[in-house]
Amino acid sequence: MYDDIINEIKLNLGENKDLNRKYLVSQLEKYKNHPYNEEITKEIGRMMWDCLSDEEKQEFIEISENETPIIDILEEISPLIEDRQYGEALEKLDGFMKSFPGMFENDYVNEYHYFTNPLEENIFNEYVGAKKQVRYIPDSHPLLDLYYVYGFLLLESNNLKESEKYLKKALEINPVSSRVLLELSEIYKSKTSTLNKFCFYTIQALKYAYYPRDLARSYRNLGYYYIEEEDYETATALYNYSMRYELSPLAHVELQYIKSKGINIELSLEETISILKNKNIPAGPNPFILNTMHELSDRYSEEQALNQALYFYELEYDLTHSDKILEKINNILRIINH
């Protein structure tokens, strides 16, 4: 039904942009009470864009870029979060969210996403996939960061219900964001009687992680899960393995706790990997992510898009510490700094 309506509207458009605009306005009125009103309105809006002159389009872009209240509020509370003044940051963000109208909401036809880089989009396409037509949220409206930060602050204030709501909004925008998945997992440490959801979201985060800190946090989360299950051998392997990616005091504290139980915490890397393998826990980053990262960096390098190539080579090096990748990084830096 939706497609038939849109196709009919498009067929009635001609060469005269002024007449097209008037016609499209009439269609907005015609379908204002239709069940697909929201979706039809958005598509007519896209058709209206094509009716604008180049000057009108440029003016609209400039206005849109200047109107960034989301960026303004995030910049305002960022120093407070860095100073761990979470209560004050939450108070400011609460005031903003009360008047925030919401935007780029999924509908019957479209789903709205934001990916930090092409790697995340590749991960999304490989493991999640779009069920509707994908629309991209522009950088000037960082909804992912807004919902993530709000969810984080709500969690810090122990408002678990609202935190879950906004972190799930962030996850809807980027379903492969490890930072969102890991923050969401924290809710289920205390909200539920079992740790099943905590474990589920952690495993998802581990699957999509490409930053060392996210891998480390995922392994620590699973270590916590296995301590609660009183499987201290697996917990020991997980905390030890997490420190390949981040030397966290939290891992050290938990290992000392396990040691106090009379458990040997000195495991070789081979023993550690064997224990993880027996539990079907991947040791290291997802091979698909490493391969995609490498393909992207090589492609950008061939295209002489050196900054983009450098970005992905550095991501890959942080995970692999490969001498070959380090050589590529140094070669690019020599060219850039020449």
Protein backbone atom coordinates (compact mmCIF):
# COMPACT_ATOMS: atom_id res chain seq x y z
CA MET A 1 0.00 0.00 0.00
CA TYR A 2 2.76 2.44 0.96
CA ASP A 3 4.77 1.69 -2.19
CA ASP A 4 1.68 2.15 -4.40
CA ILE A 5 0.99 5.58 -2.90
CA ILE A 6 4.59 6.76 -3.26
CA ASN A 7 4.82 5.49 -6.83
CA GLU A 8 1.60 7.27 -7.76
CA ILE A 9 2.87 10.54 -6.28
CA LYS A 10 6.16 10.24 -8.17
CA LEU A 11 4.35 9.55 -11.45
CA ASN A 12 2.47 12.84 -11.09
CA LEU A 13 5.62 14.92 -10.76
CA GLY A 14 6.74 16.95 -13.77
CA GLU A 15 9.61 19.21 -14.79
CA ASN A 16 8.26 22.39 -13.16
CA LYS A 17 9.66 22.49 -9.61
CA ASP A 18 7.22 25.15 -8.38
CA LEU A 19 4.22 23.09 -9.54
CA ASN A 20 5.79 19.97 -8.01
CA ARG A 21 6.09 21.70 -4.65
CA LYS A 22 2.44 22.77 -4.70
CA TYR A 23 1.39 19.25 -5.68
CA LEU A 24 3.47 17.67 -2.91
CA VAL A 25 1.96 20.04 -0.33
CA SER A 26 -1.50 18.90 -1.47
CA GLN A 27 -0.44 15.27 -0.97
CA LEU A 28 0.68 16.01 2.58
CA GLU A 29 -2.83 17.23 3.28
CA LYS A 30 -4.42 14.29 1.44
CA TYR A 31 -2.61 11.64 3.47
CA LYS A 32 -2.45 13.36 6.85
CA ASN A 33 -4.84 10.82 8.43
CA HIS A 34 -3.51 7.78 6.60
CA PRO A 35 -2.12 4.89 8.73
CA TYR A 36 1.24 5.39 6.97
CA ASN A 37 1.09 9.16 7.39
CA GLU A 38 4.50 9.42 9.08
CA GLU A 39 6.27 7.37 6.43
CA ILE A 40 4.49 9.13 3.54
CA THR A 41 5.32 12.54 5.01
CA LYS A 42 9.02 11.66 5.26
CA GLU A 43 9.17 10.46 1.66
CA ILE A 44 7.33 13.54 0.41
CA GLY A 45 9.88 15.60 2.34
CA ARG A 46 12.65 13.90 0.37
CA MET A 47 10.81 14.68 -2.88
CA MET A 48 10.44 18.31 -1.77
CA TRP A 49 14.23 18.46 -1.37
CA ASP A 50 14.60 17.68 -5.07
CA CYS A 51 12.36 20.64 -5.82
CA LEU A 52 14.69 23.12 -4.10
CA SER A 53 17.19 25.21 -6.02
CA ASP A 54 20.91 24.75 -5.29
CA GLU A 55 20.89 28.01 -3.33
CA GLU A 56 17.92 26.89 -1.22
CA LYS A 57 19.59 23.53 -0.54
CA GLN A 58 22.81 25.22 0.57
CA GLU A 59 20.90 27.60 2.84
CA PHE A 60 19.06 24.65 4.41
CA ILE A 61 22.35 22.78 4.98
CA GLU A 62 23.94 25.80 6.65
CA ILE A 63 20.95 26.28 8.93
CA SER A 64 20.93 22.58 9.84
CA GLU A 65 24.63 22.57 10.63
CA ASN A 66 24.29 25.57 12.91
CA GLU A 67 21.35 24.15 14.83
CA THR A 68 23.10 21.53 16.96
CA PRO A 69 21.52 21.61 20.43
CA ILE A 70 22.51 17.97 20.98
CA ILE A 71 26.18 18.76 20.42
CA ASP A 72 25.88 21.83 22.66
CA ILE A 73 24.46 19.90 25.63
CA LEU A 74 26.96 17.06 25.23
CA GLU A 75 29.84 19.53 25.19
CA GLU A 76 28.40 21.28 28.25
CA ILE A 77 28.21 18.15 30.40
CA SER A 78 31.40 16.49 29.13
CA PRO A 79 33.69 18.22 31.70
CA LEU A 80 31.27 17.24 34.49
CA ILE A 81 31.41 13.59 33.45
CA GLU A 82 35.21 13.70 33.25
CA ASP A 83 35.23 15.07 36.83
CA ARG A 84 32.76 12.33 37.84
CA GLN A 85 30.14 14.95 38.77
CA TYR A 86 27.44 12.63 37.49
CA GLY A 87 24.60 14.13 39.52
CA GLU A 88 25.09 17.62 38.12
CA ALA A 89 25.55 16.26 34.59
CA LEU A 90 22.33 14.25 34.90
CA GLU A 91 20.42 17.27 36.18
CA LYS A 92 21.46 19.32 33.13
CA LEU A 93 20.71 16.49 30.72
CA ASP A 94 17.35 15.81 32.39
CA GLY A 95 16.34 19.40 31.65
CA PHE A 96 17.35 19.01 28.02
CA MET A 97 15.57 15.68 27.56
CA LYS A 98 12.28 17.04 28.95
CA SER A 99 12.00 19.39 25.98
CA PHE A 100 13.78 17.20 23.42
CA PRO A 101 11.22 16.34 20.72
CA GLY A 102 12.96 13.19 19.50
CA MET A 103 13.95 12.66 15.89
CA PHE A 104 14.94 10.01 13.36
CA GLU A 105 12.55 7.46 14.84
CA ASN A 106 12.05 4.13 13.07
CA ASP A 107 8.75 3.68 11.27
CA TYR A 108 7.00 1.05 9.17
CA VAL A 109 9.25 1.67 6.18
CA ASN A 110 12.56 3.09 7.43
CA GLU A 111 15.13 2.32 10.10
CA TYR A 112 17.64 4.95 11.19
CA HIS A 113 21.24 4.12 12.01
CA TYR A 114 24.53 5.74 12.80
CA PHE A 115 27.89 3.99 12.46
CA THR A 116 31.13 5.47 13.70
CA ASN A 117 33.06 4.11 10.72
CA PRO A 118 32.73 1.72 7.74
CA LEU A 119 33.94 -1.18 9.89
CA GLU A 120 30.86 -0.94 12.10
CA GLU A 121 28.60 -0.81 9.06
CA ASN A 122 30.26 -3.97 7.71
CA ILE A 123 29.75 -5.70 11.07
CA PHE A 124 26.10 -4.63 11.05
CA ASN A 125 25.54 -5.94 7.53
CA GLU A 126 27.24 -9.24 8.35
CA TYR A 127 25.55 -10.05 11.65
CA VAL A 128 22.37 -7.98 11.99
CA GLY A 129 21.18 -6.73 8.62
CA ALA A 130 18.48 -4.21 7.81
CA LYS A 131 14.84 -5.25 7.85
CA LYS A 132 13.66 -1.98 6.29
CA GLN A 133 15.14 0.79 4.21
CA VAL A 134 18.21 2.19 5.97
CA ARG A 135 18.42 5.93 6.58
CA TYR A 136 21.58 7.42 8.08
CA ILE A 137 21.51 9.89 10.96
CA PRO A 138 23.80 12.84 10.16
CA ASP A 139 26.88 13.66 12.26
CA SER A 140 25.27 16.97 13.23
CA HIS A 141 22.68 15.08 15.30
CA PRO A 142 24.64 12.64 17.53
CA LEU A 143 21.64 10.78 18.92
CA LEU A 144 23.74 7.69 19.62
CA ASP A 145 25.96 9.65 22.00
CA LEU A 146 22.99 11.46 23.54
CA TYR A 147 21.10 8.28 24.41
CA TYR A 148 24.26 6.45 25.50
CA VAL A 149 25.39 9.23 27.84
CA TYR A 150 21.89 9.67 29.27
CA GLY A 151 21.59 5.93 29.82
CA PHE A 152 25.00 5.87 31.52
CA LEU A 153 24.11 8.75 33.87
CA LEU A 154 20.75 7.20 34.72
CA LEU A 155 22.51 3.93 35.52
CA GLU A 156 24.94 5.77 37.79
CA SER A 157 21.95 7.23 39.64
CA ASN A 158 20.48 3.70 39.93
CA ASN A 159 17.48 4.55 37.77
CA LEU A 160 17.64 1.17 36.04
CA LYS A 161 14.32 1.32 34.22
CA GLU A 162 14.99 4.63 32.48
CA SER A 163 18.62 3.69 31.87
CA GLU A 164 17.52 0.52 30.09
CA LYS A 165 15.07 2.54 27.98
CA TYR A 166 17.67 4.98 26.66
CA LEU A 167 20.47 2.46 26.24
CA LYS A 168 18.10 0.38 24.13
CA LYS A 169 17.36 3.48 22.06
CA ALA A 170 21.11 3.83 21.50
CA LEU A 171 21.35 0.14 20.62
CA GLU A 172 18.55 0.50 18.08
CA ILE A 173 20.61 3.20 16.35
CA ASN A 174 23.79 1.10 16.41
CA PRO A 175 23.10 -2.58 17.21
CA VAL A 176 26.81 -3.49 17.02
CA SER A 177 28.15 -0.89 19.44
CA SER A 178 30.13 -2.77 22.10
CA ARG A 179 30.18 0.22 24.44
CA VAL A 180 26.37 0.36 24.43
CA LEU A 181 26.04 -3.41 24.85
CA LEU A 182 28.48 -3.43 27.77
CA GLU A 183 26.72 -0.55 29.50
CA LEU A 184 23.39 -2.27 29.00
CA SER A 185 24.79 -5.47 30.47
CA GLU A 186 25.51 -3.64 33.75
CA ILE A 187 21.80 -3.12 34.33
CA TYR A 188 21.23 -6.87 34.57
CA LYS A 189 23.81 -7.44 37.32
CA SER A 190 21.22 -6.34 39.86
CA LYS A 191 17.94 -6.01 38.01
CA THR A 192 17.30 -9.70 37.37
CA SER A 193 17.45 -12.79 39.54
CA THR A 194 19.85 -14.50 37.12
CA LEU A 195 22.77 -13.22 35.08
CA ASN A 196 21.47 -14.58 31.78
CA LYS A 197 20.87 -11.17 30.17
CA PHE A 198 24.12 -9.83 31.61
CA CYS A 199 25.93 -12.72 29.95
CA PHE A 200 23.97 -12.40 26.69
CA TYR A 201 24.79 -8.73 26.14
CA THR A 202 28.42 -9.30 27.15
CA ILE A 203 28.83 -12.09 24.59
CA GLN A 204 27.32 -9.80 21.93
CA ALA A 205 29.77 -7.07 22.89
CA LEU A 206 32.69 -9.50 22.65
CA LYS A 207 31.54 -10.55 19.19
CA TYR A 208 31.49 -6.96 17.88
CA ALA A 209 34.41 -5.45 19.86
CA TYR A 210 37.34 -3.90 18.02
CA TYR A 211 38.82 -1.72 20.76
CA PRO A 212 41.14 -3.46 23.27
CA ARG A 213 39.31 -1.89 26.23
CA ASP A 214 35.98 -3.33 25.03
CA LEU A 215 37.50 -6.80 24.63
CA ALA A 216 39.04 -6.55 28.09
CA ARG A 217 35.78 -5.42 29.69
CA SER A 218 33.90 -8.24 27.96
CA TYR A 219 36.31 -10.84 29.36
CA ARG A 220 36.09 -9.28 32.83
CA ASN A 221 32.30 -9.37 32.65
CA LEU A 222 32.39 -13.05 31.78
CA GLY A 223 34.89 -13.57 34.59
CA TYR A 224 32.37 -12.04 36.99
CA TYR A 225 29.68 -14.37 35.61
CA TYR A 226 31.81 -17.47 36.20
CA ILE A 227 32.74 -16.35 39.72
CA GLU A 228 29.03 -16.16 40.48
CA GLU A 229 28.73 -19.66 38.98
CA GLU A 230 31.64 -20.71 41.25
CA ASP A 231 33.59 -21.90 38.21
CA TYR A 232 36.84 -20.37 39.40
CA GLU A 233 39.06 -22.00 36.80
CA THR A 234 37.16 -20.39 33.92
CA ALA A 235 36.99 -17.08 35.77
CA THR A 236 40.76 -17.18 36.29
CA ALA A 237 41.33 -17.79 32.57
CA LEU A 238 39.03 -14.91 31.65
CA TYR A 239 40.60 -12.37 34.00
CA ASN A 240 44.08 -13.40 32.92
CA TYR A 241 43.16 -13.17 29.25
CA SER A 242 41.51 -9.76 29.74
CA MET A 243 44.87 -8.33 30.76
CA ARG A 244 46.25 -9.01 27.29
CA TYR A 245 44.10 -6.04 26.25
CA GLU A 246 43.98 -3.86 29.37
CA LEU A 247 45.96 -4.02 32.62
CA SER A 248 42.99 -3.28 34.82
CA PRO A 249 43.17 -3.14 38.63
CA LEU A 250 39.69 -4.72 38.62
CA ALA A 251 41.07 -7.91 37.06
CA HIS A 252 43.92 -8.02 39.58
CA VAL A 253 41.50 -7.65 42.52
CA GLU A 254 39.26 -10.44 41.24
CA LEU A 255 42.23 -12.76 40.67
CA GLN A 256 43.37 -12.17 44.24
CA TYR A 257 39.86 -13.02 45.43
CA ILE A 258 39.98 -16.29 43.47
CA LYS A 259 43.44 -17.00 44.91
CA SER A 260 42.00 -16.59 48.43
CA LYS A 261 39.72 -19.52 47.60
CA GLY A 262 42.78 -21.73 47.23
CA ILE A 263 42.67 -21.68 43.41
CA ASN A 264 45.84 -21.54 41.31
CA ILE A 265 45.72 -18.32 39.29
CA GLU A 266 49.02 -18.84 37.48
CA LEU A 267 47.98 -20.15 34.06
CA SER A 268 50.03 -20.30 30.88
CA LEU A 269 48.61 -18.71 27.75
CA GLU A 270 48.10 -22.17 26.27
CA GLU A 271 46.18 -23.32 29.36
CA THR A 272 44.11 -20.14 29.34
CA ILE A 273 43.10 -20.48 25.69
CA SER A 274 42.28 -24.18 26.19
CA ILE A 275 39.90 -23.33 29.06
CA LEU A 276 38.18 -20.63 27.01
CA LYS A 277 37.87 -22.98 24.05
CA ASN A 278 36.20 -25.62 26.23
CA LYS A 279 33.57 -23.00 27.16
CA ASN A 280 33.13 -21.86 23.53
CA ILE A 281 34.46 -18.42 24.44
CA PRO A 282 36.47 -16.82 21.61
CA ALA A 283 40.07 -16.02 22.47
CA GLY A 284 40.76 -12.69 20.81
CA PRO A 285 38.86 -10.44 18.42
CA ASN A 286 36.35 -11.76 15.91
CA PRO A 287 38.28 -12.94 12.78
CA PHE A 288 35.68 -11.28 10.54
CA ILE A 289 36.46 -7.95 12.19
CA LEU A 290 40.22 -8.37 11.79
CA ASN A 291 39.85 -9.37 8.13
CA THR A 292 37.48 -6.48 7.38
CA MET A 293 39.74 -4.03 9.19
CA HIS A 294 42.69 -5.21 7.11
CA GLU A 295 40.73 -5.02 3.85
CA LEU A 296 39.59 -1.48 4.63
CA SER A 297 43.08 -0.25 5.52
CA ASP A 298 44.62 -1.83 2.41
CA ARG A 299 41.89 -0.39 0.20
CA TYR A 300 42.30 3.11 1.60
CA SER A 301 46.06 2.80 1.25
CA GLU A 302 45.73 1.86 -2.44
CA GLU A 303 43.37 4.82 -2.96
CA GLN A 304 45.91 7.11 -1.26
CA ALA A 305 43.37 7.96 1.43
CA LEU A 306 46.21 7.85 3.91
CA ASN A 307 44.49 9.19 7.03
CA GLN A 308 41.70 6.63 6.70
CA ALA A 309 44.22 3.86 6.06
CA LEU A 310 46.24 4.94 9.09
CA TYR A 311 43.14 4.89 11.27
CA PHE A 312 42.35 1.24 10.45
CA TYR A 313 45.97 0.09 10.52
CA GLU A 314 46.30 1.57 14.01
CA LEU A 315 43.12 -0.19 15.13
CA GLU A 316 44.50 -3.45 13.76
CA TYR A 317 47.88 -2.93 15.41
CA ASP A 318 46.27 -2.28 18.80
CA LEU A 319 44.69 -5.73 18.57
CA THR A 320 47.49 -7.74 16.96
CA HIS A 321 50.79 -5.91 17.62
CA SER A 322 51.88 -7.18 14.21
CA ASP A 323 55.32 -5.97 13.06
CA LYS A 324 54.06 -5.91 9.46
CA ILE A 325 51.21 -3.59 10.40
CA LEU A 326 53.57 -1.38 12.39
CA GLU A 327 55.78 -1.08 9.30
CA LYS A 328 52.77 0.02 7.23
CA ILE A 329 51.87 2.59 9.88
CA ASN A 330 55.40 4.02 9.89
CA ASN A 331 55.47 4.16 6.09
CA ILE A 332 52.23 6.16 6.01
CA LEU A 333 53.46 8.50 8.76
CA ARG A 334 56.64 9.18 6.79
CA ILE A 335 54.56 10.13 3.74
CA ILE A 336 52.13 12.30 5.73
CA ASN A 337 54.92 14.10 7.63
CA HIS A 338 57.19 14.53 4.60
